[in-house]
C-alpha cells in the first residue's frame, strides 16, 4: 500500500540517467498545411489506443483499440505536420458502447482522495486470456506535487514478481517556451518500466519538445537499463521511442481542463509494460490538468506597454 512520502526537490536530470536526449527523428522536416508526403509509422508503434475526452471528475473511462481508424484518418499526411493534426482531429471516434471497436482498457478514477489522502486511478487491461491480464493502480498524493506511484500487478500465474510500486517523478530540464503572452512549462516524467522475463528494468521518460507543432505531444523515451549508480551507454543519436501520445484536436499546447488523444504503442509487447505505459500517461495528463505550475501562465505586461495600449485605445475612440 502506498503511503505518500515527503517530496524533495527534483534535479533537472534523473540521478540514474544520461543527459536528456532530443528525438529529432520525430520532427516534421517541413510543415505546410497541405503537406502530402506519405505518412510513415514511427518505429514499430502500430497499435493505436483512443483515450476519450475526459477530465479529473470523470469516474469511468474506456480506452479503445482504433488502429484501423487511426490509419485511415492520417493516411497521406506526414507524422507531426499540421495536416496530420488536422486529419487526426477528424478520426472516427467509437460510439461508446464497445460494439464497433474493442475496449482494451477500463479505467476507474476516484474524484476525491482516499483515506490515505491519495487520488487513485485503476487501469485494468481487458483480455480473454488470463495469462495476458494486467492492472496498474496510480496513487497521486493530495495535494499533488509532481510525484506519484504506479503499482503494477499481473494475472499471469508464471509471473512470480508480485505487485511492484514504481515512483514517477516530474522534473523541468528545459526552460519554458513563449507562445504569445504565455509561458509554457515543459515537465518531464521519469520512472522505471518493469522488464519482461529475463529483462532488466528500463529507465524511461515522458518528454515534450518545444518545437513548432509539438507542445501537444508527449514521447516516451527509453533512457537505458535502470540501475543504482548509472545507466548503460546507449546511442544518443537515436534513442528508442516506446510510445507517443498525440492530442486529438487543434490546439497550441495540451489543454488543462480536459484530455483526449491517441496513444501509439508497440504491437504485441509485454502486457504489464503496456499497462504501465498507459497508466503513466493518464497520470501525466491528470497532473498537467491539476498542478498549476505545470500549466501555461500568462505573462504580466510591463507598465509602459499597458500605458501605451491605453493611449492607443483612447486615440482610436476619439
C-alpha atoms as a PDB file:
ATOM      1  CA  UNK A   1       0.000   0.000   0.000  1.00  0.00           C
ATOM      2  CA  UNK A   2       1.395   3.345  -0.978  1.00  0.00           C
ATOM      3  CA  UNK A   3       1.914   5.995   1.629  1.00  0.00           C
ATOM      4  CA  UNK A   4       2.771   9.407   0.285  1.00  0.00           C
ATOM      5  CA  UNK A   5       6.336  10.373   1.038  1.00  0.00           C
ATOM      6  CA  UNK A   6       7.854  13.769   1.574  1.00  0.00           C
ATOM      7  CA  UNK A   7       8.552  15.362  -1.769  1.00  0.00           C
ATOM      8  CA  UNK A   8      12.073  16.666  -2.188  1.00  0.00           C
ATOM      9  CA  UNK A   9      13.473  18.935  -4.843  1.00  0.00           C
ATOM     10  CA  UNK A  10      13.956  17.140  -8.149  1.00  0.00           C
ATOM     11  CA  UNK A  11      17.192  17.601 -10.110  1.00  0.00           C
ATOM     12  CA  UNK A  12      16.952  18.510 -13.749  1.00  0.00           C
ATOM     13  CA  UNK A  13      18.464  15.185 -14.770  1.00  0.00           C
ATOM     14  CA  UNK A  14      17.479  11.923 -13.118  1.00  0.00           C
ATOM     15  CA  UNK A  15      20.414  10.680 -10.982  1.00  0.00           C
ATOM     16  CA  UNK A  16      20.479   7.405 -12.917  1.00  0.00           C
ATOM     17  CA  UNK A  17      20.189   8.807 -16.431  1.00  0.00           C
ATOM     18  CA  UNK A  18      22.477  10.269 -19.062  1.00  0.00           C
ATOM     19  CA  UNK A  19      21.795  13.796 -20.186  1.00  0.00           C
ATOM     20  CA  UNK A  20      18.329  14.180 -21.638  1.00  0.00           C
ATOM     21  CA  UNK A  21      18.292  13.384 -25.329  1.00  0.00           C
ATOM     22  CA  UNK A  22      16.216  15.010 -28.005  1.00  0.00           C
ATOM     23  CA  UNK A  23      14.322  12.971 -30.601  1.00  0.00           C
ATOM     24  CA  UNK A  24      14.769  14.985 -33.810  1.00  0.00           C
ATOM     25  CA  UNK A  25      13.776  11.994 -35.961  1.00  0.00           C
ATOM     26  CA  UNK A  26      10.192  12.538 -34.765  1.00  0.00           C
ATOM     27  CA  UNK A  27      10.005  16.096 -36.036  1.00  0.00           C
ATOM     28  CA  UNK A  28       8.477  17.039 -39.329  1.00  0.00           C
ATOM     29  CA  UNK A  29      11.076  18.124 -41.889  1.00  0.00           C
ATOM     30  CA  UNK A  30       8.577  20.547 -43.394  1.00  0.00           C
ATOM     31  CA  UNK A  31       5.228  21.595 -42.092  1.00  0.00           C
ATOM     32  CA  UNK A  32       2.893  23.184 -44.652  1.00  0.00           C
ATOM     33  CA  UNK A  33      -0.821  22.722 -44.062  1.00  0.00           C
ATOM     34  CA  UNK A  34      -1.186  20.971 -47.419  1.00  0.00           C
ATOM     35  CA  UNK A  35       1.742  18.641 -46.906  1.00  0.00           C
ATOM     36  CA  UNK A  36       1.177  15.445 -48.904  1.00  0.00           C
ATOM     37  CA  UNK A  37       4.305  13.492 -48.061  1.00  0.00           C
ATOM     38  CA  UNK A  38       3.291   9.917 -47.172  1.00  0.00           C
ATOM     39  CA  UNK A  39       2.842   9.010 -43.540  1.00  0.00           C
ATOM     40  CA  UNK A  40       5.377   6.509 -42.235  1.00  0.00           C
ATOM     41  CA  UNK A  41       4.753   4.708 -38.918  1.00  0.00           C
ATOM     42  CA  UNK A  42       7.331   5.617 -36.292  1.00  0.00           C
ATOM     43  CA  UNK A  43       9.429   2.548 -35.485  1.00  0.00           C
ATOM     44  CA  UNK A  44       7.034  -0.240 -34.517  1.00  0.00           C
ATOM     45  CA  UNK A  45       4.347   1.926 -32.947  1.00  0.00           C
ATOM     46  CA  UNK A  46       1.464   0.468 -34.923  1.00  0.00           C
ATOM     47  CA  UNK A  47      -1.008  -0.091 -32.087  1.00  0.00           C
ATOM     48  CA  UNK A  48      -3.321   2.885 -31.527  1.00  0.00           C
ATOM     49  CA  UNK A  49      -5.412   3.411 -28.389  1.00  0.00           C
ATOM     50  CA  UNK A  50      -8.050   6.133 -28.274  1.00  0.00           C
ATOM     51  CA  UNK A  51      -8.357   7.938 -24.941  1.00  0.00           C
ATOM     52  CA  UNK A  52     -11.791   9.624 -24.948  1.00  0.00           C
ATOM     53  CA  UNK A  53     -12.347  13.170 -23.793  1.00  0.00           C
ATOM     54  CA  UNK A  54     -12.294  13.257 -20.001  1.00  0.00           C
ATOM     55  CA  UNK A  55     -11.371  15.460 -17.045  1.00  0.00           C
ATOM     56  CA  UNK A  56     -10.424  14.921 -13.419  1.00  0.00           C
ATOM     57  CA  UNK A  57     -14.067  14.481 -12.450  1.00  0.00           C
ATOM     58  CA  UNK A  58     -14.567  11.544 -14.833  1.00  0.00           C
ATOM     59  CA  UNK A  59     -15.198   8.357 -12.840  1.00  0.00           C
ATOM     60  CA  UNK A  60     -15.064   5.691 -15.577  1.00  0.00           C
ATOM     61  CA  UNK A  61     -13.106   5.729 -18.828  1.00  0.00           C
ATOM     62  CA  UNK A  62     -12.866   3.016 -21.526  1.00  0.00           C
ATOM     63  CA  UNK A  63      -9.827   3.011 -23.830  1.00  0.00           C
ATOM     64  CA  UNK A  64     -10.402   1.714 -27.372  1.00  0.00           C
ATOM     65  CA  UNK A  65      -8.288  -0.095 -29.962  1.00  0.00           C
ATOM     66  CA  UNK A  66      -8.595   2.196 -33.008  1.00  0.00           C
ATOM     67  CA  UNK A  67      -5.700   1.036 -35.168  1.00  0.00           C
ATOM     68  CA  UNK A  68      -7.780   0.894 -38.367  1.00  0.00           C
ATOM     69  CA  UNK A  69      -9.488   4.235 -37.714  1.00  0.00           C
ATOM     70  CA  UNK A  70      -6.138   5.870 -36.953  1.00  0.00           C
ATOM     71  CA  UNK A  71      -4.511   4.642 -40.159  1.00  0.00           C
ATOM     72  CA  UNK A  72      -7.490   5.823 -42.207  1.00  0.00           C
ATOM     73  CA  UNK A  73      -7.502   9.235 -40.518  1.00  0.00           C
ATOM     74  CA  UNK A  74      -3.827  10.114 -41.046  1.00  0.00           C
ATOM     75  CA  UNK A  75      -3.351   8.500 -44.456  1.00  0.00           C
ATOM     76  CA  UNK A  76      -1.397  10.755 -46.817  1.00  0.00           C
ATOM     77  CA  UNK A  77       0.000  13.033 -44.102  1.00  0.00           C
ATOM     78  CA  UNK A  78       3.450  13.282 -42.579  1.00  0.00           C
ATOM     79  CA  UNK A  79       3.700  12.499 -38.899  1.00  0.00           C
ATOM     80  CA  UNK A  80       3.819  15.716 -36.877  1.00  0.00           C
ATOM     81  CA  UNK A  81       2.696  18.048 -39.671  1.00  0.00           C
ATOM     82  CA  UNK A  82      -0.231  20.449 -39.479  1.00  0.00           C
ATOM     83  CA  UNK A  83      -2.101  18.275 -41.949  1.00  0.00           C
ATOM     84  CA  UNK A  84      -1.504  15.272 -39.697  1.00  0.00           C
ATOM     85  CA  UNK A  85      -3.014  17.152 -36.730  1.00  0.00           C
ATOM     86  CA  UNK A  86      -5.980  18.296 -38.807  1.00  0.00           C
ATOM     87  CA  UNK A  87      -6.709  14.803 -40.103  1.00  0.00           C
ATOM     88  CA  UNK A  88      -6.217  13.242 -36.669  1.00  0.00           C
ATOM     89  CA  UNK A  89      -8.809  15.632 -35.237  1.00  0.00           C
ATOM     90  CA  UNK A  90     -11.321  14.093 -37.672  1.00  0.00           C
ATOM     91  CA  UNK A  91     -10.676  10.475 -36.646  1.00  0.00           C
ATOM     92  CA  UNK A  92     -13.781   8.293 -36.468  1.00  0.00           C
ATOM     93  CA  UNK A  93     -14.434   8.004 -32.740  1.00  0.00           C
ATOM     94  CA  UNK A  94     -16.003   4.964 -31.054  1.00  0.00           C
ATOM     95  CA  UNK A  95     -19.694   5.165 -30.273  1.00  0.00           C
ATOM     96  CA  UNK A  96     -19.084   4.350 -26.630  1.00  0.00           C
ATOM     97  CA  UNK A  97     -20.907   1.022 -26.338  1.00  0.00           C
ATOM     98  CA  UNK A  98     -17.895  -1.075 -27.363  1.00  0.00           C
ATOM     99  CA  UNK A  99     -19.837  -2.689 -30.230  1.00  0.00           C
ATOM    100  CA  UNK A 100     -17.976  -1.005 -33.090  1.00  0.00           C
ATOM    101  CA  UNK A 101     -14.402  -1.269 -31.730  1.00  0.00           C
ATOM    102  CA  UNK A 102     -12.751  -3.257 -28.959  1.00  0.00           C
ATOM    103  CA  UNK A 103     -12.411  -1.827 -25.466  1.00  0.00           C
ATOM    104  CA  UNK A 104      -8.857  -2.718 -24.416  1.00  0.00           C
ATOM    105  CA  UNK A 105      -8.707  -0.959 -21.050  1.00  0.00           C
ATOM    106  CA  UNK A 106     -11.131   0.084 -18.357  1.00  0.00           C
ATOM    107  CA  UNK A 107     -10.083   2.949 -16.101  1.00  0.00           C
ATOM    108  CA  UNK A 108     -11.724   3.875 -12.802  1.00  0.00           C
ATOM    109  CA  UNK A 109     -10.757   7.242 -11.367  1.00  0.00           C
ATOM    110  CA  UNK A 110     -11.519   8.391  -7.837  1.00  0.00           C
ATOM    111  CA  UNK A 111     -12.595  12.011  -7.929  1.00  0.00           C
ATOM    112  CA  UNK A 112     -11.817  12.553  -4.215  1.00  0.00           C
ATOM    113  CA  UNK A 113      -8.767  11.456  -2.172  1.00  0.00           C
ATOM    114  CA  UNK A 114      -8.906   8.146  -0.290  1.00  0.00           C
ATOM    115  CA  UNK A 115      -8.303   7.674   3.452  1.00  0.00           C
ATOM    116  CA  UNK A 116      -4.550   7.961   2.867  1.00  0.00           C
ATOM    117  CA  UNK A 117      -5.095  11.246   1.050  1.00  0.00           C
ATOM    118  CA  UNK A 118      -4.216   9.810  -2.376  1.00  0.00           C
ATOM    119  CA  UNK A 119      -6.108  10.175  -5.628  1.00  0.00           C
ATOM    120  CA  UNK A 120      -6.428   6.770  -7.318  1.00  0.00           C
ATOM    121  CA  UNK A 121      -6.591   5.711 -10.959  1.00  0.00           C
ATOM    122  CA  UNK A 122      -7.153   1.992 -11.544  1.00  0.00           C
ATOM    123  CA  UNK A 123      -6.176   0.780 -15.021  1.00  0.00           C
ATOM    124  CA  UNK A 124      -7.318  -2.733 -15.984  1.00  0.00           C
ATOM    125  CA  UNK A 125      -6.431  -4.427 -19.258  1.00  0.00           C
ATOM    126  CA  UNK A 126      -9.328  -6.346 -20.789  1.00  0.00           C
ATOM    127  CA  UNK A 127      -8.390  -9.708 -22.281  1.00  0.00           C
ATOM    128  CA  UNK A 128      -9.896 -13.141 -22.856  1.00  0.00           C
ATOM    129  CA  UNK A 129      -6.589 -14.746 -21.886  1.00  0.00           C
ATOM    130  CA  UNK A 130      -5.934 -14.999 -18.159  1.00  0.00           C
ATOM    131  CA  UNK A 131      -2.191 -15.055 -18.826  1.00  0.00           C
ATOM    132  CA  UNK A 132      -2.299 -11.654 -20.536  1.00  0.00           C
ATOM    133  CA  UNK A 133      -4.146  -9.713 -17.859  1.00  0.00           C
ATOM    134  CA  UNK A 134      -2.526  -6.767 -16.139  1.00  0.00           C
ATOM    135  CA  UNK A 135      -3.583  -3.952 -13.872  1.00  0.00           C
ATOM    136  CA  UNK A 136      -1.902  -0.804 -12.639  1.00  0.00           C
ATOM    137  CA  UNK A 137      -3.002   1.433  -9.801  1.00  0.00           C
ATOM    138  CA  UNK A 138      -1.874   5.058  -9.845  1.00  0.00           C
ATOM    139  CA  UNK A 139      -1.613   6.811  -6.482  1.00  0.00           C
ATOM    140  CA  UNK A 140      -1.229  10.591  -6.566  1.00  0.00           C
ATOM    141  CA  UNK A 141      -0.761  12.345  -3.199  1.00  0.00           C
ATOM    142  CA  UNK A 142      -3.141  15.186  -2.367  1.00  0.00           C
ATOM    143  CA  UNK A 143      -2.251  17.933  -2.923  1.00  0.00           C
ATOM    144  CA  UNK A 144      -0.310  16.742  -5.995  1.00  0.00           C
ATOM    145  CA  UNK A 145       3.282  17.966  -6.121  1.00  0.00           C
ATOM    146  CA  UNK A 146       4.816  16.163  -9.103  1.00  0.00           C
ATOM    147  CA  UNK A 147       5.396  12.666  -7.724  1.00  0.00           C
ATOM    148  CA  UNK A 148       3.143   9.621  -7.829  1.00  0.00           C
ATOM    149  CA  UNK A 149       3.298   5.826  -7.547  1.00  0.00           C
ATOM    150  CA  UNK A 150       2.438   3.173 -10.150  1.00  0.00           C
ATOM    151  CA  UNK A 151       1.539  -0.176  -8.536  1.00  0.00           C
ATOM    152  CA  UNK A 152       1.642  -2.960 -11.142  1.00  0.00           C
ATOM    153  CA  UNK A 153       0.124  -6.452 -10.984  1.00  0.00           C
ATOM    154  CA  UNK A 154      -0.105  -9.359 -13.453  1.00  0.00           C
ATOM    155  CA  UNK A 155      -2.645 -12.197 -13.706  1.00  0.00           C
ATOM    156  CA  UNK A 156      -0.063 -14.475 -15.312  1.00  0.00           C
ATOM    157  CA  UNK A 157       0.395 -17.452 -12.915  1.00  0.00           C
ATOM    158  CA  UNK A 158       4.002 -17.828 -14.106  1.00  0.00           C
ATOM    159  CA  UNK A 159       4.843 -14.243 -13.185  1.00  0.00           C
ATOM    160  CA  UNK A 160       6.032 -14.545  -9.592  1.00  0.00           C
ATOM    161  CA  UNK A 161       7.311 -10.997  -9.230  1.00  0.00           C
ATOM    162  CA  UNK A 162       4.157  -9.886  -7.398  1.00  0.00           C
ATOM    163  CA  UNK A 163       2.921  -6.332  -7.039  1.00  0.00           C
ATOM    164  CA  UNK A 164       5.527  -3.646  -7.635  1.00  0.00           C
ATOM    165  CA  UNK A 165       5.463   0.013  -6.686  1.00  0.00           C
ATOM    166  CA  UNK A 166       7.190   2.397  -9.095  1.00  0.00           C
ATOM    167  CA  UNK A 167       7.761   6.075  -8.419  1.00  0.00           C
ATOM    168  CA  UNK A 168       7.223   8.555 -11.257  1.00  0.00           C
ATOM    169  CA  UNK A 169       8.816  11.956 -10.717  1.00  0.00           C
ATOM    170  CA  UNK A 170       8.435  15.238 -12.582  1.00  0.00           C
ATOM    171  CA  UNK A 171      11.384  17.458 -13.491  1.00  0.00           C
ATOM    172  CA  UNK A 172      11.968  20.579 -15.588  1.00  0.00           C
ATOM    173  CA  UNK A 173      15.159  20.188 -17.649  1.00  0.00           C
ATOM    174  CA  UNK A 174      14.103  22.780 -20.241  1.00  0.00           C
ATOM    175  CA  UNK A 175      13.284  26.454 -19.909  1.00  0.00           C
ATOM    176  CA  UNK A 176       9.649  27.399 -20.560  1.00  0.00           C
ATOM    177  CA  UNK A 177       8.634  28.283 -24.100  1.00  0.00           C
ATOM    178  CA  UNK A 178       6.964  31.555 -25.003  1.00  0.00           C
ATOM    179  CA  UNK A 179       3.815  31.500 -27.106  1.00  0.00           C
ATOM    180  CA  UNK A 180       2.368  34.980 -27.434  1.00  0.00           C
ATOM    181  CA  UNK A 181       1.642  36.226 -23.911  1.00  0.00           C
ATOM    182  CA  UNK A 182       2.095  32.786 -22.317  1.00  0.00           C
ATOM    183  CA  UNK A 183       4.980  30.949 -20.698  1.00  0.00           C
ATOM    184  CA  UNK A 184       4.677  27.206 -21.360  1.00  0.00           C
ATOM    185  CA  UNK A 185       6.484  24.909 -18.883  1.00  0.00           C
ATOM    186  CA  UNK A 186       7.814  21.552 -20.071  1.00  0.00           C
ATOM    187  CA  UNK A 187       7.518  18.952 -17.309  1.00  0.00           C
ATOM    188  CA  UNK A 188       9.283  15.652 -17.960  1.00  0.00           C
ATOM    189  CA  UNK A 189       8.174  12.498 -16.109  1.00  0.00           C
ATOM    190  CA  UNK A 190      10.701   9.767 -15.261  1.00  0.00           C
ATOM    191  CA  UNK A 191      10.050   6.246 -13.958  1.00  0.00           C
ATOM    192  CA  UNK A 192      11.311   2.660 -14.178  1.00  0.00           C
ATOM    193  CA  UNK A 193       9.451   0.490 -16.662  1.00  0.00           C
ATOM    194  CA  UNK A 194       9.172  -3.151 -15.483  1.00  0.00           C
ATOM    195  CA  UNK A 195      11.106  -5.650 -17.555  1.00  0.00           C
ATOM    196  CA  UNK A 196       9.690  -8.826 -19.022  1.00  0.00           C
ATOM    197  CA  UNK A 197      11.007 -12.356 -18.391  1.00  0.00           C
ATOM    198  CA  UNK A 198      14.808 -12.207 -18.293  1.00  0.00           C
ATOM    199  CA  UNK A 199      14.670  -8.476 -18.997  1.00  0.00           C
ATOM    200  CA  UNK A 200      16.062  -5.676 -16.860  1.00  0.00           C
ATOM    201  CA  UNK A 201      14.064  -2.646 -15.829  1.00  0.00           C
ATOM    202  CA  UNK A 202      14.328   0.308 -18.183  1.00  0.00           C
ATOM    203  CA  UNK A 203      14.544   3.911 -17.113  1.00  0.00           C
ATOM    204  CA  UNK A 204      12.045   5.795 -19.270  1.00  0.00           C
ATOM    205  CA  UNK A 205      10.820   9.348 -19.540  1.00  0.00           C
ATOM    206  CA  UNK A 206       7.797  11.153 -20.943  1.00  0.00           C
ATOM    207  CA  UNK A 207       9.211  14.152 -22.831  1.00  0.00           C
ATOM    208  CA  UNK A 208       7.665  17.142 -24.570  1.00  0.00           C
ATOM    209  CA  UNK A 209       9.720  19.095 -27.107  1.00  0.00           C
ATOM    210  CA  UNK A 210       9.297  22.875 -27.516  1.00  0.00           C
ATOM    211  CA  UNK A 211       9.343  22.814 -31.305  1.00  0.00           C
ATOM    212  CA  UNK A 212       6.538  24.115 -33.558  1.00  0.00           C
ATOM    213  CA  UNK A 213       3.536  21.799 -33.571  1.00  0.00           C
ATOM    214  CA  UNK A 214       4.941  19.731 -30.686  1.00  0.00           C
ATOM    215  CA  UNK A 215       3.602  21.159 -27.421  1.00  0.00           C
ATOM    216  CA  UNK A 216       0.533  18.892 -27.504  1.00  0.00           C
ATOM    217  CA  UNK A 217       2.555  15.699 -27.954  1.00  0.00           C
ATOM    218  CA  UNK A 218       4.392  13.582 -25.375  1.00  0.00           C
ATOM    219  CA  UNK A 219       7.021  10.983 -26.314  1.00  0.00           C
ATOM    220  CA  UNK A 220       8.083   8.110 -24.052  1.00  0.00           C
ATOM    221  CA  UNK A 221      11.840   7.697 -24.476  1.00  0.00           C
ATOM    222  CA  UNK A 222      13.943   4.759 -23.281  1.00  0.00           C
ATOM    223  CA  UNK A 223      16.947   6.154 -21.397  1.00  0.00           C
ATOM    224  CA  UNK A 224      18.604   2.773 -20.857  1.00  0.00           C
ATOM    225  CA  UNK A 225      18.710  -0.071 -18.315  1.00  0.00           C
ATOM    226  CA  UNK A 226      17.869   1.121 -14.808  1.00  0.00           C
ATOM    227  CA  UNK A 227      20.486   0.640 -12.108  1.00  0.00           C
ATOM    228  CA  UNK A 228      21.505   2.063  -8.794  1.00  0.00           C
ATOM    229  CA  UNK A 229      24.526   4.026  -9.935  1.00  0.00           C
ATOM    230  CA  UNK A 230      24.496   4.530 -13.680  1.00  0.00           C
ATOM    231  CA  UNK A 231      22.766   3.821 -16.959  1.00  0.00           C
ATOM    232  CA  UNK A 232      24.359   1.574 -19.532  1.00  0.00           C
ATOM    233  CA  UNK A 233      25.596   3.558 -22.548  1.00  0.00           C
ATOM    234  CA  UNK A 234      23.221   3.783 -25.484  1.00  0.00           C
ATOM    235  CA  UNK A 235      23.160   5.529 -28.834  1.00  0.00           C
ATOM    236  CA  UNK A 236      22.365   9.217 -28.097  1.00  0.00           C
ATOM    237  CA  UNK A 237      21.593   9.931 -31.752  1.00  0.00           C
ATOM    238  CA  UNK A 238      18.641   7.560 -31.917  1.00  0.00           C
ATOM    239  CA  UNK A 239      17.057   6.869 -28.522  1.00  0.00           C
ATOM    240  CA  UNK A 240      14.342   4.240 -28.670  1.00  0.00           C
ATOM    241  CA  UNK A 241      10.824   5.621 -28.589  1.00  0.00           C
ATOM    242  CA  UNK A 242       8.407   3.354 -26.726  1.00  0.00           C
ATOM    243  CA  UNK A 243       5.174   5.330 -27.111  1.00  0.00           C
ATOM    244  CA  UNK A 244       3.763   8.602 -28.440  1.00  0.00           C
ATOM    245  CA  UNK A 245       0.712  10.498 -27.199  1.00  0.00           C
ATOM    246  CA  UNK A 246      -0.969  12.996 -29.521  1.00  0.00           C
ATOM    247  CA  UNK A 247      -3.823  15.274 -28.526  1.00  0.00           C
ATOM    248  CA  UNK A 248      -6.898  14.950 -30.741  1.00  0.00           C
ATOM    249  CA  UNK A 249      -7.993  18.441 -31.725  1.00  0.00           C
ATOM    250  CA  UNK A 250      -6.479  21.695 -32.961  1.00  0.00           C
ATOM    251  CA  UNK A 251      -4.609  23.284 -30.037  1.00  0.00           C
ATOM    252  CA  UNK A 252      -1.296  25.046 -29.379  1.00  0.00           C
ATOM    253  CA  UNK A 253      -0.498  23.148 -26.168  1.00  0.00           C
ATOM    254  CA  UNK A 254      -2.124  20.411 -24.111  1.00  0.00           C
ATOM    255  CA  UNK A 255      -5.434  21.613 -22.658  1.00  0.00           C
ATOM    256  CA  UNK A 256      -5.596  21.900 -18.883  1.00  0.00           C
ATOM    257  CA  UNK A 257      -9.353  21.438 -18.491  1.00  0.00           C
ATOM    258  CA  UNK A 258      -9.710  18.130 -20.336  1.00  0.00           C
ATOM    259  CA  UNK A 259      -7.711  15.448 -22.157  1.00  0.00           C
ATOM    260  CA  UNK A 260      -8.394  13.493 -25.353  1.00  0.00           C
ATOM    261  CA  UNK A 261      -5.909  11.777 -27.605  1.00  0.00           C
ATOM    262  CA  UNK A 262      -4.300   8.829 -29.343  1.00  0.00           C
ATOM    263  CA  UNK A 263      -1.597   6.696 -27.725  1.00  0.00           C
ATOM    264  CA  UNK A 264       0.711   4.828 -30.107  1.00  0.00           C
ATOM    265  CA  UNK A 265       2.478   1.785 -28.658  1.00  0.00           C
ATOM    266  CA  UNK A 266       4.173  -1.339 -29.955  1.00  0.00           C
ATOM    267  CA  UNK A 267       2.024  -4.209 -31.186  1.00  0.00           C
ATOM    268  CA  UNK A 268       2.397  -7.487 -29.304  1.00  0.00           C
ATOM    269  CA  UNK A 269       4.513  -6.083 -26.489  1.00  0.00           C
ATOM    270  CA  UNK A 270       4.693  -7.097 -22.853  1.00  0.00           C
ATOM    271  CA  UNK A 271       1.222  -6.685 -21.336  1.00  0.00           C
ATOM    272  CA  UNK A 272       2.387  -5.419 -17.942  1.00  0.00           C
ATOM    273  CA  UNK A 273       4.703  -2.937 -19.654  1.00  0.00           C
ATOM    274  CA  UNK A 274       1.915  -1.656 -21.894  1.00  0.00           C
ATOM    275  CA  UNK A 275      -0.492  -1.300 -18.975  1.00  0.00           C
ATOM    276  CA  UNK A 276       2.207   0.601 -17.079  1.00  0.00           C
ATOM    277  CA  UNK A 277       2.754   2.921 -20.055  1.00  0.00           C
ATOM    278  CA  UNK A 278      -1.000   3.569 -20.308  1.00  0.00           C
ATOM    279  CA  UNK A 279      -1.291   4.255 -16.577  1.00  0.00           C
ATOM    280  CA  UNK A 280       1.763   6.526 -16.556  1.00  0.00           C
ATOM    281  CA  UNK A 281       0.311   8.595 -19.400  1.00  0.00           C
ATOM    282  CA  UNK A 282      -3.016   9.009 -17.602  1.00  0.00           C
ATOM    283  CA  UNK A 283      -1.053  10.124 -14.529  1.00  0.00           C
ATOM    284  CA  UNK A 284       0.861  12.650 -16.656  1.00  0.00           C
ATOM    285  CA  UNK A 285      -2.357  14.079 -18.105  1.00  0.00           C
ATOM    286  CA  UNK A 286      -4.004  14.187 -14.664  1.00  0.00           C
ATOM    287  CA  UNK A 287      -1.098  16.152 -13.191  1.00  0.00           C
ATOM    288  CA  UNK A 288      -0.964  18.583 -16.103  1.00  0.00           C
ATOM    289  CA  UNK A 289      -4.651  19.308 -15.539  1.00  0.00           C
ATOM    290  CA  UNK A 290      -4.352  19.686 -11.754  1.00  0.00           C
ATOM    291  CA  UNK A 291      -0.911  21.112 -10.924  1.00  0.00           C
ATOM    292  CA  UNK A 292      -0.782  24.850 -11.534  1.00  0.00           C
ATOM    293  CA  UNK A 293       2.963  25.201 -12.110  1.00  0.00           C
ATOM    294  CA  UNK A 294       2.744  22.616 -14.909  1.00  0.00           C
ATOM    295  CA  UNK A 295       0.260  24.793 -16.789  1.00  0.00           C
ATOM    296  CA  UNK A 296       0.780  27.746 -19.154  1.00  0.00           C
ATOM    297  CA  UNK A 297       0.947  31.064 -17.373  1.00  0.00           C
ATOM    298  CA  UNK A 298       0.058  34.426 -18.808  1.00  0.00           C
ATOM    299  CA  UNK A 299       2.897  36.904 -18.558  1.00  0.00           C
ATOM    300  CA  UNK A 300       2.313  40.270 -16.990  1.00  0.00           C
ATOM    301  CA  UNK A 301       2.666  43.186 -19.341  1.00  0.00           C
ATOM    302  CA  UNK A 302       5.053  45.936 -18.395  1.00  0.00           C
ATOM    303  CA  UNK A 303       3.507  49.144 -17.107  1.00  0.00           C
ATOM    304  CA  UNK A 304       4.928  51.024 -20.088  1.00  0.00           C
ATOM    305  CA  UNK A 305       3.261  48.667 -22.537  1.00  0.00           C
ATOM    306  CA  UNK A 306      -0.044  48.943 -20.685  1.00  0.00           C
ATOM    307  CA  UNK A 307       0.054  52.743 -20.776  1.00  0.00           C
ATOM    308  CA  UNK A 308       0.874  52.709 -24.485  1.00  0.00           C
ATOM    309  CA  UNK A 309      -2.028  50.368 -25.235  1.00  0.00           C
ATOM    310  CA  UNK A 310      -4.418  52.551 -23.237  1.00  0.00           C
ATOM    311  CA  UNK A 311      -3.216  55.656 -25.101  1.00  0.00           C
ATOM    312  CA  UNK A 312      -3.690  53.966 -28.488  1.00  0.00           C
ATOM    313  CA  UNK A 313      -7.177  52.813 -27.474  1.00  0.00           C
ATOM    314  CA  UNK A 314      -8.059  56.349 -26.364  1.00  0.00           C
ATOM    315  CA  UNK A 315      -6.908  57.814 -29.689  1.00  0.00           C
ATOM    316  CA  UNK A 316      -8.937  55.217 -31.615  1.00  0.00           C
ATOM    317  CA  UNK A 317     -12.102  56.053 -29.662  1.00  0.00           C
ATOM    318  CA  UNK A 318     -11.684  59.757 -30.393  1.00  0.00           C
END
